[in-house]
Amino acid sequence: VLALRQAISPVADLLGQESDPEDPPTIAQLRASLRSTEHIRREGRMGE
């Protein structure tokens, strides 16, 4: 769970952001990603 701990840590917000060649995700893309991730969690695929 270390990767998750780092993702939710407030310290992560203080670190510099990596230069990103991609456009920001759209709201529709964010919601689709959220749905797919929640589906994986409900199936108990914790490693993923």
All heavy atoms as atom14 arrays in JSON, in Angstrom:
{
  "sequence": "VLALRQAISPVADLLGQESDPEDPPTIAQLRASLRSTEHIRREGRMGE",
  "atom14_mask": [
    [1, 1, 1, 1, 1, 1, 1, 0, 0, 0, 0, 0, 0, 0],
    [1, 1, 1, 1, 1, 1, 1, 1, 0, 0, 0, 0, 0, 0],
    [1, 1, 1, 1, 1, 0, 0, 0, 0, 0, 0, 0, 0, 0],
    [1, 1, 1, 1, 1, 1, 1, 1, 0, 0, 0, 0, 0, 0],
    [1, 1, 1, 1, 1, 1, 1, 1, 1, 1, 1, 0, 0, 0],
    [1, 1, 1, 1, 1, 1, 1, 1, 1, 0, 0, 0, 0, 0],
    [1, 1, 1, 1, 1, 0, 0, 0, 0, 0, 0, 0, 0, 0],
    [1, 1, 1, 1, 1, 1, 1, 1, 0, 0, 0, 0, 0, 0],
    [1, 1, 1, 1, 1, 1, 0, 0, 0, 0, 0, 0, 0, 0],
    [1, 1, 1, 1, 1, 1, 1, 0, 0, 0, 0, 0, 0, 0],
    [1, 1, 1, 1, 1, 1, 1, 0, 0, 0, 0, 0, 0, 0],
    [1, 1, 1, 1, 1, 0, 0, 0, 0, 0, 0, 0, 0, 0],
    [1, 1, 1, 1, 1, 1, 1, 1, 0, 0, 0, 0, 0, 0],
    [1, 1, 1, 1, 1, 1, 1, 1, 0, 0, 0, 0, 0, 0],
    [1, 1, 1, 1, 1, 1, 1, 1, 0, 0, 0, 0, 0, 0],
    [1, 1, 1, 1, 0, 0, 0, 0, 0, 0, 0, 0, 0, 0],
    [1, 1, 1, 1, 1, 1, 1, 1, 1, 0, 0, 0, 0, 0],
    [1, 1, 1, 1, 1, 1, 1, 1, 1, 0, 0, 0, 0, 0],
    [1, 1, 1, 1, 1, 1, 0, 0, 0, 0, 0, 0, 0, 0],
    [1, 1, 1, 1, 1, 1, 1, 1, 0, 0, 0, 0, 0, 0],
    [1, 1, 1, 1, 1, 1, 1, 0, 0, 0, 0, 0, 0, 0],
    [1, 1, 1, 1, 1, 1, 1, 1, 1, 0, 0, 0, 0, 0],
    [1, 1, 1, 1, 1, 1, 1, 1, 0, 0, 0, 0, 0, 0],
    [1, 1, 1, 1, 1, 1, 1, 0, 0, 0, 0, 0, 0, 0],
    [1, 1, 1, 1, 1, 1, 1, 0, 0, 0, 0, 0, 0, 0],
    [1, 1, 1, 1, 1, 1, 1, 0, 0, 0, 0, 0, 0, 0],
    [1, 1, 1, 1, 1, 1, 1, 1, 0, 0, 0, 0, 0, 0],
    [1, 1, 1, 1, 1, 0, 0, 0, 0, 0, 0, 0, 0, 0],
    [1, 1, 1, 1, 1, 1, 1, 1, 1, 0, 0, 0, 0, 0],
    [1, 1, 1, 1, 1, 1, 1, 1, 0, 0, 0, 0, 0, 0],
    [1, 1, 1, 1, 1, 1, 1, 1, 1, 1, 1, 0, 0, 0],
    [1, 1, 1, 1, 1, 0, 0, 0, 0, 0, 0, 0, 0, 0],
    [1, 1, 1, 1, 1, 1, 0, 0, 0, 0, 0, 0, 0, 0],
    [1, 1, 1, 1, 1, 1, 1, 1, 0, 0, 0, 0, 0, 0],
    [1, 1, 1, 1, 1, 1, 1, 1, 1, 1, 1, 0, 0, 0],
    [1, 1, 1, 1, 1, 1, 0, 0, 0, 0, 0, 0, 0, 0],
    [1, 1, 1, 1, 1, 1, 1, 0, 0, 0, 0, 0, 0, 0],
    [1, 1, 1, 1, 1, 1, 1, 1, 1, 0, 0, 0, 0, 0],
    [1, 1, 1, 1, 1, 1, 1, 1, 1, 1, 0, 0, 0, 0],
    [1, 1, 1, 1, 1, 1, 1, 1, 0, 0, 0, 0, 0, 0],
    [1, 1, 1, 1, 1, 1, 1, 1, 1, 1, 1, 0, 0, 0],
    [1, 1, 1, 1, 1, 1, 1, 1, 1, 1, 1, 0, 0, 0],
    [1, 1, 1, 1, 1, 1, 1, 1, 1, 0, 0, 0, 0, 0],
    [1, 1, 1, 1, 0, 0, 0, 0, 0, 0, 0, 0, 0, 0],
    [1, 1, 1, 1, 1, 1, 1, 1, 1, 1, 1, 0, 0, 0],
    [1, 1, 1, 1, 1, 1, 1, 1, 0, 0, 0, 0, 0, 0],
    [1, 1, 1, 1, 0, 0, 0, 0, 0, 0, 0, 0, 0, 0],
    [1, 1, 1, 1, 1, 1, 1, 1, 1, 0, 0, 0, 0, 0]
  ],
  "atom14_positions": [
    [[0.82, -1.2, 0.0], [0.0, 0.0, 0.0], [0.85, 1.26, 0.0], [0.32, 2.35, 0.15], [-0.96, 0.02, 1.22], [-1.94, -1.13, 1.14], [-0.17, -0.03, 2.52], [0.0, 0.0, 0.0], [0.0, 0.0, 0.0], [0.0, 0.0, 0.0], [0.0, 0.0, 0.0], [0.0, 0.0, 0.0], [0.0, 0.0, 0.0], [0.0, 0.0, 0.0]],
    [[2.17, 1.11, -0.17], [3.03, 2.28, -0.1], [2.69, 3.29, -1.19], [2.67, 4.5, -0.94], [4.5, 1.87, -0.18], [5.52, 3.01, -0.08], [5.3, 3.83, 1.2], [6.94, 2.47, -0.11], [0.0, 0.0, 0.0], [0.0, 0.0, 0.0], [0.0, 0.0, 0.0], [0.0, 0.0, 0.0], [0.0, 0.0, 0.0], [0.0, 0.0, 0.0]],
    [[2.43, 2.8, -2.4], [2.09, 3.72, -3.49], [0.82, 4.49, -3.18], [0.7, 5.68, -3.48], [1.95, 2.95, -4.8], [0.0, 0.0, 0.0], [0.0, 0.0, 0.0], [0.0, 0.0, 0.0], [0.0, 0.0, 0.0], [0.0, 0.0, 0.0], [0.0, 0.0, 0.0], [0.0, 0.0, 0.0], [0.0, 0.0, 0.0], [0.0, 0.0, 0.0]],
    [[-0.15, 3.81, -2.56], [-1.4, 4.47, -2.17], [-1.14, 5.48, -1.05], [-1.69, 6.58, -1.06], [-2.43, 3.45, -1.71], [-3.38, 2.89, -2.75], [-4.33, 1.88, -2.13], [-4.16, 3.99, -3.44], [0.0, 0.0, 0.0], [0.0, 0.0, 0.0], [0.0, 0.0, 0.0], [0.0, 0.0, 0.0], [0.0, 0.0, 0.0], [0.0, 0.0, 0.0]],
    [[-0.32, 5.1, -0.08], [0.01, 6.03, 1.0], [0.62, 7.3, 0.43], [0.29, 8.41, 0.87], [0.99, 5.37, 1.98], [0.37, 4.37, 2.94], [1.43, 3.87, 3.9], [0.95, 2.88, 4.84], [0.35, 3.16, 6.0], [0.15, 4.43, 6.35], [-0.05, 2.2, 6.81], [0.0, 0.0, 0.0], [0.0, 0.0, 0.0], [0.0, 0.0, 0.0]],
    [[1.53, 7.16, -0.52], [2.18, 8.33, -1.09], [1.18, 9.18, -1.88], [1.27, 10.4, -1.88], [3.33, 7.89, -1.99], [4.49, 7.26, -1.22], [5.61, 6.77, -2.11], [5.39, 6.44, -3.27], [6.82, 6.73, -1.58], [0.0, 0.0, 0.0], [0.0, 0.0, 0.0], [0.0, 0.0, 0.0], [0.0, 0.0, 0.0], [0.0, 0.0, 0.0]],
    [[0.24, 8.52, -2.56], [-0.74, 9.26, -3.37], [-1.67, 10.1, -2.51], [-2.09, 11.19, -2.93], [-1.55, 8.29, -4.23], [0.0, 0.0, 0.0], [0.0, 0.0, 0.0], [0.0, 0.0, 0.0], [0.0, 0.0, 0.0], [0.0, 0.0, 0.0], [0.0, 0.0, 0.0], [0.0, 0.0, 0.0], [0.0, 0.0, 0.0], [0.0, 0.0, 0.0]],
    [[-2.02, 9.6, -1.32], [-2.97, 10.34, -0.48], [-2.28, 11.28, 0.49], [-2.93, 12.09, 1.14], [-3.86, 9.37, 0.33], [-3.02, 8.58, 1.34], [-4.64, 8.45, -0.61], [-3.83, 7.71, 2.27], [0.0, 0.0, 0.0], [0.0, 0.0, 0.0], [0.0, 0.0, 0.0], [0.0, 0.0, 0.0], [0.0, 0.0, 0.0], [0.0, 0.0, 0.0]],
    [[-0.96, 11.21, 0.57], [-0.24, 12.04, 1.53], [-0.31, 13.51, 1.14], [-0.08, 13.87, -0.02], [1.22, 11.61, 1.62], [1.97, 12.53, 2.39], [0.0, 0.0, 0.0], [0.0, 0.0, 0.0], [0.0, 0.0, 0.0], [0.0, 0.0, 0.0], [0.0, 0.0, 0.0], [0.0, 0.0, 0.0], [0.0, 0.0, 0.0], [0.0, 0.0, 0.0]],
    [[-0.61, 14.4, 2.09], [-0.59, 15.83, 1.79], [0.78, 16.31, 1.32], [0.88, 17.3, 0.61], [-0.97, 16.47, 3.13], [-1.73, 15.41, 3.86], [-1.07, 14.12, 3.46], [0.0, 0.0, 0.0], [0.0, 0.0, 0.0], [0.0, 0.0, 0.0], [0.0, 0.0, 0.0], [0.0, 0.0, 0.0], [0.0, 0.0, 0.0], [0.0, 0.0, 0.0]],
    [[1.84, 15.59, 1.7], [3.18, 15.97, 1.28], [3.31, 15.93, -0.24], [4.06, 16.7, -0.83], [4.23, 15.05, 1.94], [5.63, 15.37, 1.44], [4.16, 15.19, 3.45], [0.0, 0.0, 0.0], [0.0, 0.0, 0.0], [0.0, 0.0, 0.0], [0.0, 0.0, 0.0], [0.0, 0.0, 0.0], [0.0, 0.0, 0.0], [0.0, 0.0, 0.0]],
    [[2.55, 15.02, -0.87], [2.63, 14.88, -2.32], [2.26, 16.17, -3.03], [2.77, 16.47, -4.11], [1.71, 13.74, -2.79], [0.0, 0.0, 0.0], [0.0, 0.0, 0.0], [0.0, 0.0, 0.0], [0.0, 0.0, 0.0], [0.0, 0.0, 0.0], [0.0, 0.0, 0.0], [0.0, 0.0, 0.0], [0.0, 0.0, 0.0], [0.0, 0.0, 0.0]],
    [[1.38, 16.97, -2.42], [0.97, 18.22, -3.04], [2.07, 19.28, -3.01], [2.03, 20.26, -3.76], [-0.27, 18.79, -2.33], [-1.48, 17.89, -2.52], [-1.46, 17.07, -3.45], [-2.43, 18.01, -1.73], [0.0, 0.0, 0.0], [0.0, 0.0, 0.0], [0.0, 0.0, 0.0], [0.0, 0.0, 0.0], [0.0, 0.0, 0.0], [0.0, 0.0, 0.0]],
    [[3.05, 19.09, -2.12], [4.12, 20.07, -1.99], [5.28, 19.8, -2.94], [6.15, 20.64, -3.12], [4.65, 20.08, -0.55], [3.62, 20.37, 0.55], [4.28, 20.28, 1.91], [2.98, 21.74, 0.34], [0.0, 0.0, 0.0], [0.0, 0.0, 0.0], [0.0, 0.0, 0.0], [0.0, 0.0, 0.0], [0.0, 0.0, 0.0], [0.0, 0.0, 0.0]],
    [[5.29, 18.6, -3.54], [6.37, 18.23, -4.44], [6.13, 18.83, -5.82], [5.0, 19.06, -6.23], [6.46, 16.7, -4.56], [6.72, 15.96, -3.24], [6.74, 14.46, -3.48], [8.03, 16.41, -2.61], [0.0, 0.0, 0.0], [0.0, 0.0, 0.0], [0.0, 0.0, 0.0], [0.0, 0.0, 0.0], [0.0, 0.0, 0.0], [0.0, 0.0, 0.0]],
    [[7.19, 19.08, -6.55], [7.08, 19.63, -7.89], [6.4, 18.66, -8.83], [6.56, 17.44, -8.72], [0.0, 0.0, 0.0], [0.0, 0.0, 0.0], [0.0, 0.0, 0.0], [0.0, 0.0, 0.0], [0.0, 0.0, 0.0], [0.0, 0.0, 0.0], [0.0, 0.0, 0.0], [0.0, 0.0, 0.0], [0.0, 0.0, 0.0], [0.0, 0.0, 0.0]],
    [[5.62, 19.18, -9.76], [4.92, 18.36, -10.72], [5.8, 18.05, -11.91], [6.51, 18.92, -12.42], [3.63, 19.07, -11.2], [2.65, 19.36, -10.08], [2.12, 18.1, -9.44], [1.85, 17.11, -10.11], [1.99, 18.13, -8.12], [0.0, 0.0, 0.0], [0.0, 0.0, 0.0], [0.0, 0.0, 0.0], [0.0, 0.0, 0.0], [0.0, 0.0, 0.0]],
    [[5.76, 16.8, -12.37], [6.53, 16.4, -13.54], [5.97, 17.07, -14.79], [4.76, 17.22, -14.95], [6.44, 14.87, -13.69], [7.17, 14.33, -14.91], [6.94, 12.84, -15.07], [6.27, 12.25, -14.23], [7.44, 12.28, -16.08], [0.0, 0.0, 0.0], [0.0, 0.0, 0.0], [0.0, 0.0, 0.0], [0.0, 0.0, 0.0], [0.0, 0.0, 0.0]],
    [[6.87, 17.5, -15.68], [6.44, 18.08, -16.94], [5.6, 17.06, -17.7], [6.01, 15.9, -17.85], [7.66, 18.49, -17.77], [7.25, 19.0, -19.01], [0.0, 0.0, 0.0], [0.0, 0.0, 0.0], [0.0, 0.0, 0.0], [0.0, 0.0, 0.0], [0.0, 0.0, 0.0], [0.0, 0.0, 0.0], [0.0, 0.0, 0.0], [0.0, 0.0, 0.0]],
    [[4.43, 17.47, -18.16], [3.48, 16.53, -18.73], [3.18, 16.87, -20.18], [2.64, 17.94, -20.46], [2.18, 16.56, -17.92], [1.31, 15.34, -18.18], [1.44, 14.73, -19.24], [0.5, 15.01, -17.3], [0.0, 0.0, 0.0], [0.0, 0.0, 0.0], [0.0, 0.0, 0.0], [0.0, 0.0, 0.0], [0.0, 0.0, 0.0], [0.0, 0.0, 0.0]],
    [[3.52, 15.97, -21.13], [3.24, 16.25, -22.53], [1.78, 16.04, -22.91], [1.35, 16.42, -23.99], [4.13, 15.24, -23.27], [4.2, 14.08, -22.33], [4.21, 14.69, -20.94], [0.0, 0.0, 0.0], [0.0, 0.0, 0.0], [0.0, 0.0, 0.0], [0.0, 0.0, 0.0], [0.0, 0.0, 0.0], [0.0, 0.0, 0.0], [0.0, 0.0, 0.0]],
    [[1.02, 15.41, -22.03], [-0.37, 15.13, -22.33], [-1.27, 16.28, -21.9], [-0.98, 16.98, -20.94], [-0.82, 13.85, -21.62], [-0.07, 12.6, -22.03], [-0.65, 11.38, -21.37], [-1.76, 10.96, -21.77], [-0.02, 10.85, -20.45], [0.0, 0.0, 0.0], [0.0, 0.0, 0.0], [0.0, 0.0, 0.0], [0.0, 0.0, 0.0], [0.0, 0.0, 0.0]],
    [[-2.38, 16.41, -22.61], [-3.39, 17.37, -22.18], [-4.03, 16.86, -20.89], [-4.07, 15.65, -20.64], [-4.47, 17.52, -23.26], [-3.95, 18.2, -24.5], [-3.01, 19.01, -24.37], [-4.45, 17.91, -25.6], [0.0, 0.0, 0.0], [0.0, 0.0, 0.0], [0.0, 0.0, 0.0], [0.0, 0.0, 0.0], [0.0, 0.0, 0.0], [0.0, 0.0, 0.0]],
    [[-4.54, 17.75, -20.06], [-5.24, 17.3, -18.85], [-6.41, 16.4, -19.22], [-7.04, 16.58, -20.27], [-5.73, 18.6, -18.22], [-4.85, 19.66, -18.8], [-4.51, 19.22, -20.18], [0.0, 0.0, 0.0], [0.0, 0.0, 0.0], [0.0, 0.0, 0.0], [0.0, 0.0, 0.0], [0.0, 0.0, 0.0], [0.0, 0.0, 0.0], [0.0, 0.0, 0.0]],
    [[-6.71, 15.41, -18.4], [-7.85, 14.54, -18.7], [-9.15, 15.33, -18.66], [-9.31, 16.25, -17.87], [-7.8, 13.5, -17.57], [-7.08, 14.19, -16.46], [-6.08, 15.09, -17.11], [0.0, 0.0, 0.0], [0.0, 0.0, 0.0], [0.0, 0.0, 0.0], [0.0, 0.0, 0.0], [0.0, 0.0, 0.0], [0.0, 0.0, 0.0], [0.0, 0.0, 0.0]],
    [[-10.07, 14.97, -19.53], [-11.37, 15.62, -19.52], [-12.19, 15.09, -18.34], [-11.85, 14.05, -17.74], [-12.14, 15.35, -20.82], [-12.42, 13.93, -20.9], [-11.31, 15.77, -22.04], [0.0, 0.0, 0.0], [0.0, 0.0, 0.0], [0.0, 0.0, 0.0], [0.0, 0.0, 0.0], [0.0, 0.0, 0.0], [0.0, 0.0, 0.0], [0.0, 0.0, 0.0]],
    [[-13.26, 15.77, -18.03], [-14.13, 15.3, -16.95], [-14.7, 13.92, -17.3], [-14.77, 13.04, -16.44], [-15.27, 16.29, -16.7], [-14.72, 17.65, -16.25], [-16.24, 15.75, -15.64], [-13.88, 17.6, -14.99], [0.0, 0.0, 0.0], [0.0, 0.0, 0.0], [0.0, 0.0, 0.0], [0.0, 0.0, 0.0], [0.0, 0.0, 0.0], [0.0, 0.0, 0.0]],
    [[-15.07, 13.72, -18.56], [-15.6, 12.42, -18.98], [-14.55, 11.32, -18.8], [-14.86, 10.21, -18.36], [-16.06, 12.48, -20.43], [0.0, 0.0, 0.0], [0.0, 0.0, 0.0], [0.0, 0.0, 0.0], [0.0, 0.0, 0.0], [0.0, 0.0, 0.0], [0.0, 0.0, 0.0], [0.0, 0.0, 0.0], [0.0, 0.0, 0.0], [0.0, 0.0, 0.0]],
    [[-13.29, 11.62, -19.13], [-12.22, 10.64, -18.96], [-11.99, 10.33, -17.49], [-11.78, 9.18, -17.11], [-10.94, 11.16, -19.61], [-10.95, 11.15, -21.13], [-9.73, 11.83, -21.73], [-9.15, 12.74, -21.12], [-9.33, 11.39, -22.9], [0.0, 0.0, 0.0], [0.0, 0.0, 0.0], [0.0, 0.0, 0.0], [0.0, 0.0, 0.0], [0.0, 0.0, 0.0]],
    [[-12.03, 11.36, -16.66], [-11.85, 11.14, -15.23], [-12.96, 10.26, -14.66], [-12.69, 9.33, -13.88], [-11.83, 12.48, -14.49], [-10.57, 13.33, -14.61], [-10.77, 14.69, -13.95], [-9.37, 12.62, -14.0], [0.0, 0.0, 0.0], [0.0, 0.0, 0.0], [0.0, 0.0, 0.0], [0.0, 0.0, 0.0], [0.0, 0.0, 0.0], [0.0, 0.0, 0.0]],
    [[-14.19, 10.52, -15.06], [-15.3, 9.72, -14.55], [-15.22, 8.28, -15.05], [-15.52, 7.34, -14.29], [-16.62, 10.37, -14.95], [-16.93, 11.63, -14.15], [-18.16, 12.34, -14.67], [-18.54, 13.44, -13.78], [-19.36, 14.42, -14.13], [-19.9, 14.43, -15.35], [-19.67, 15.38, -13.27], [0.0, 0.0, 0.0], [0.0, 0.0, 0.0], [0.0, 0.0, 0.0]],
    [[-14.81, 8.1, -16.31], [-14.67, 6.74, -16.84], [-13.57, 5.98, -16.1], [-13.73, 4.8, -15.78], [-14.36, 6.8, -18.35], [0.0, 0.0, 0.0], [0.0, 0.0, 0.0], [0.0, 0.0, 0.0], [0.0, 0.0, 0.0], [0.0, 0.0, 0.0], [0.0, 0.0, 0.0], [0.0, 0.0, 0.0], [0.0, 0.0, 0.0], [0.0, 0.0, 0.0]],
    [[-12.47, 6.66, -15.82], [-11.37, 6.03, -15.07], [-11.82, 5.67, -13.66], [-11.47, 4.61, -13.13], [-10.16, 6.96, -15.01], [-9.62, 7.18, -16.3], [0.0, 0.0, 0.0], [0.0, 0.0, 0.0], [0.0, 0.0, 0.0], [0.0, 0.0, 0.0], [0.0, 0.0, 0.0], [0.0, 0.0, 0.0], [0.0, 0.0, 0.0], [0.0, 0.0, 0.0]],
    [[-12.61, 6.54, -13.04], [-13.12, 6.27, -11.7], [-14.03, 5.05, -11.71], [-13.92, 4.18, -10.84], [-13.89, 7.49, -11.18], [-14.54, 7.35, -9.8], [-13.48, 7.17, -8.72], [-15.41, 8.57, -9.49], [0.0, 0.0, 0.0], [0.0, 0.0, 0.0], [0.0, 0.0, 0.0], [0.0, 0.0, 0.0], [0.0, 0.0, 0.0], [0.0, 0.0, 0.0]],
    [[-14.91, 4.95, -12.71], [-15.82, 3.81, -12.8], [-15.05, 2.5, -12.97], [-15.36, 1.49, -12.32], [-16.81, 3.99, -13.95], [-17.91, 5.02, -13.68], [-19.02, 4.91, -14.71], [-18.53, 5.17, -16.06], [-18.49, 6.38, -16.62], [-18.92, 7.44, -15.94], [-18.06, 6.54, -17.86], [0.0, 0.0, 0.0], [0.0, 0.0, 0.0], [0.0, 0.0, 0.0]],
    [[-14.04, 2.51, -13.84], [-13.27, 1.28, -14.07], [-12.48, 0.87, -12.84], [-12.38, -0.32, -12.52], [-12.33, 1.47, -15.27], [-11.33, 2.43, -15.0], [0.0, 0.0, 0.0], [0.0, 0.0, 0.0], [0.0, 0.0, 0.0], [0.0, 0.0, 0.0], [0.0, 0.0, 0.0], [0.0, 0.0, 0.0], [0.0, 0.0, 0.0], [0.0, 0.0, 0.0]],
    [[-11.94, 1.86, -12.13], [-11.18, 1.55, -10.92], [-12.08, 1.01, -9.82], [-11.73, 0.05, -9.12], [-10.45, 2.81, -10.42], [-9.62, 3.33, -11.48], [-9.57, 2.5, -9.22], [0.0, 0.0, 0.0], [0.0, 0.0, 0.0], [0.0, 0.0, 0.0], [0.0, 0.0, 0.0], [0.0, 0.0, 0.0], [0.0, 0.0, 0.0], [0.0, 0.0, 0.0]],
    [[-13.26, 1.59, -9.66], [-14.2, 1.12, -8.66], [-14.67, -0.3, -9.0], [-14.84, -1.14, -8.11], [-15.4, 2.07, -8.56], [-16.53, 1.6, -7.66], [-16.11, 1.39, -6.2], [-15.03, 1.88, -5.81], [-16.85, 0.72, -5.47], [0.0, 0.0, 0.0], [0.0, 0.0, 0.0], [0.0, 0.0, 0.0], [0.0, 0.0, 0.0], [0.0, 0.0, 0.0]],
    [[-14.85, -0.59, -10.28], [-15.24, -1.93, -10.71], [-14.16, -2.95, -10.31], [-14.47, -4.04, -9.81], [-15.46, -1.95, -12.21], [-15.78, -3.32, -12.77], [-16.99, -3.93, -12.56], [-15.02, -4.19, -13.51], [-16.98, -5.13, -13.15], [-15.8, -5.29, -13.72], [0.0, 0.0, 0.0], [0.0, 0.0, 0.0], [0.0, 0.0, 0.0], [0.0, 0.0, 0.0]],
    [[-12.9, -2.6, -10.53], [-11.79, -3.49, -10.16], [-11.77, -3.71, -8.65], [-11.55, -4.84, -8.18], [-10.46, -2.89, -10.65], [-10.4, -2.94, -12.19], [-9.27, -3.65, -10.07], [-9.22, -2.19, -12.77], [0.0, 0.0, 0.0], [0.0, 0.0, 0.0], [0.0, 0.0, 0.0], [0.0, 0.0, 0.0], [0.0, 0.0, 0.0], [0.0, 0.0, 0.0]],
    [[-12.02, -2.65, -7.87], [-12.02, -2.79, -6.42], [-13.13, -3.72, -5.96], [-12.92, -4.57, -5.08], [-12.16, -1.43, -5.74], [-11.99, -1.48, -4.22], [-12.6, -0.28, -3.54], [-14.04, -0.22, -3.72], [-14.91, -0.95, -3.03], [-14.48, -1.81, -2.11], [-16.2, -0.84, -3.25], [0.0, 0.0, 0.0], [0.0, 0.0, 0.0], [0.0, 0.0, 0.0]],
    [[-14.33, -3.57, -6.54], [-15.45, -4.42, -6.14], [-15.17, -5.89, -6.44], [-15.68, -6.77, -5.74], [-16.74, -3.97, -6.83], [-17.32, -2.67, -6.28], [-18.77, -2.52, -6.7], [-18.91, -2.52, -8.15], [-18.89, -1.42, -8.9], [-18.72, -0.23, -8.33], [-19.03, -1.49, -10.21], [0.0, 0.0, 0.0], [0.0, 0.0, 0.0], [0.0, 0.0, 0.0]],
    [[-14.38, -6.15, -7.46], [-14.04, -7.52, -7.8], [-12.92, -8.07, -6.92], [-12.54, -9.24, -7.05], [-13.62, -7.61, -9.27], [-14.78, -7.4, -10.25], [-14.37, -7.67, -11.68], [-13.15, -7.72, -11.97], [-15.28, -7.86, -12.53], [0.0, 0.0, 0.0], [0.0, 0.0, 0.0], [0.0, 0.0, 0.0], [0.0, 0.0, 0.0], [0.0, 0.0, 0.0]],
    [[-12.39, -7.23, -6.03], [-11.37, -7.69, -5.11], [-9.98, -7.81, -5.69], [-9.11, -8.47, -5.1], [0.0, 0.0, 0.0], [0.0, 0.0, 0.0], [0.0, 0.0, 0.0], [0.0, 0.0, 0.0], [0.0, 0.0, 0.0], [0.0, 0.0, 0.0], [0.0, 0.0, 0.0], [0.0, 0.0, 0.0], [0.0, 0.0, 0.0], [0.0, 0.0, 0.0]],
    [[-9.74, -7.15, -6.81], [-8.42, -7.23, -7.45], [-7.51, -6.15, -6.86], [-7.18, -5.15, -7.49], [-8.57, -7.07, -8.96], [-9.3, -8.25, -9.6], [-10.16, -7.88, -10.79], [-9.41, -7.29, -11.88], [-9.99, -6.8, -12.99], [-11.31, -6.82, -13.1], [-9.25, -6.27, -13.95], [0.0, 0.0, 0.0], [0.0, 0.0, 0.0], [0.0, 0.0, 0.0]],
    [[-7.11, -6.37, -5.6], [-6.4, -5.35, -4.83], [-5.05, -5.0, -5.43], [-4.6, -3.86, -5.36], [-6.24, -5.81, -3.39], [-7.54, -5.94, -2.63], [-8.42, -4.35, -2.55], [-9.77, -4.77, -1.46], [0.0, 0.0, 0.0], [0.0, 0.0, 0.0], [0.0, 0.0, 0.0], [0.0, 0.0, 0.0], [0.0, 0.0, 0.0], [0.0, 0.0, 0.0]],
    [[-4.36, -5.99, -5.99], [-3.07, -5.71, -6.59], [-3.17, -4.69, -7.71], [-2.34, -3.79, -7.84], [0.0, 0.0, 0.0], [0.0, 0.0, 0.0], [0.0, 0.0, 0.0], [0.0, 0.0, 0.0], [0.0, 0.0, 0.0], [0.0, 0.0, 0.0], [0.0, 0.0, 0.0], [0.0, 0.0, 0.0], [0.0, 0.0, 0.0], [0.0, 0.0, 0.0]],
    [[-4.22, -4.8, -8.53], [-4.43, -3.85, -9.62], [-4.8, -2.48, -9.09], [-4.4, -1.46, -9.65], [-5.5, -4.37, -10.57], [-5.09, -5.61, -11.34], [-6.15, -6.05, -12.33], [-6.63, -5.21, -13.1], [-6.51, -7.25, -12.31], [0.0, 0.0, 0.0], [0.0, 0.0, 0.0], [0.0, 0.0, 0.0], [0.0, 0.0, 0.0], [0.0, 0.0, 0.0]]
  ]
}
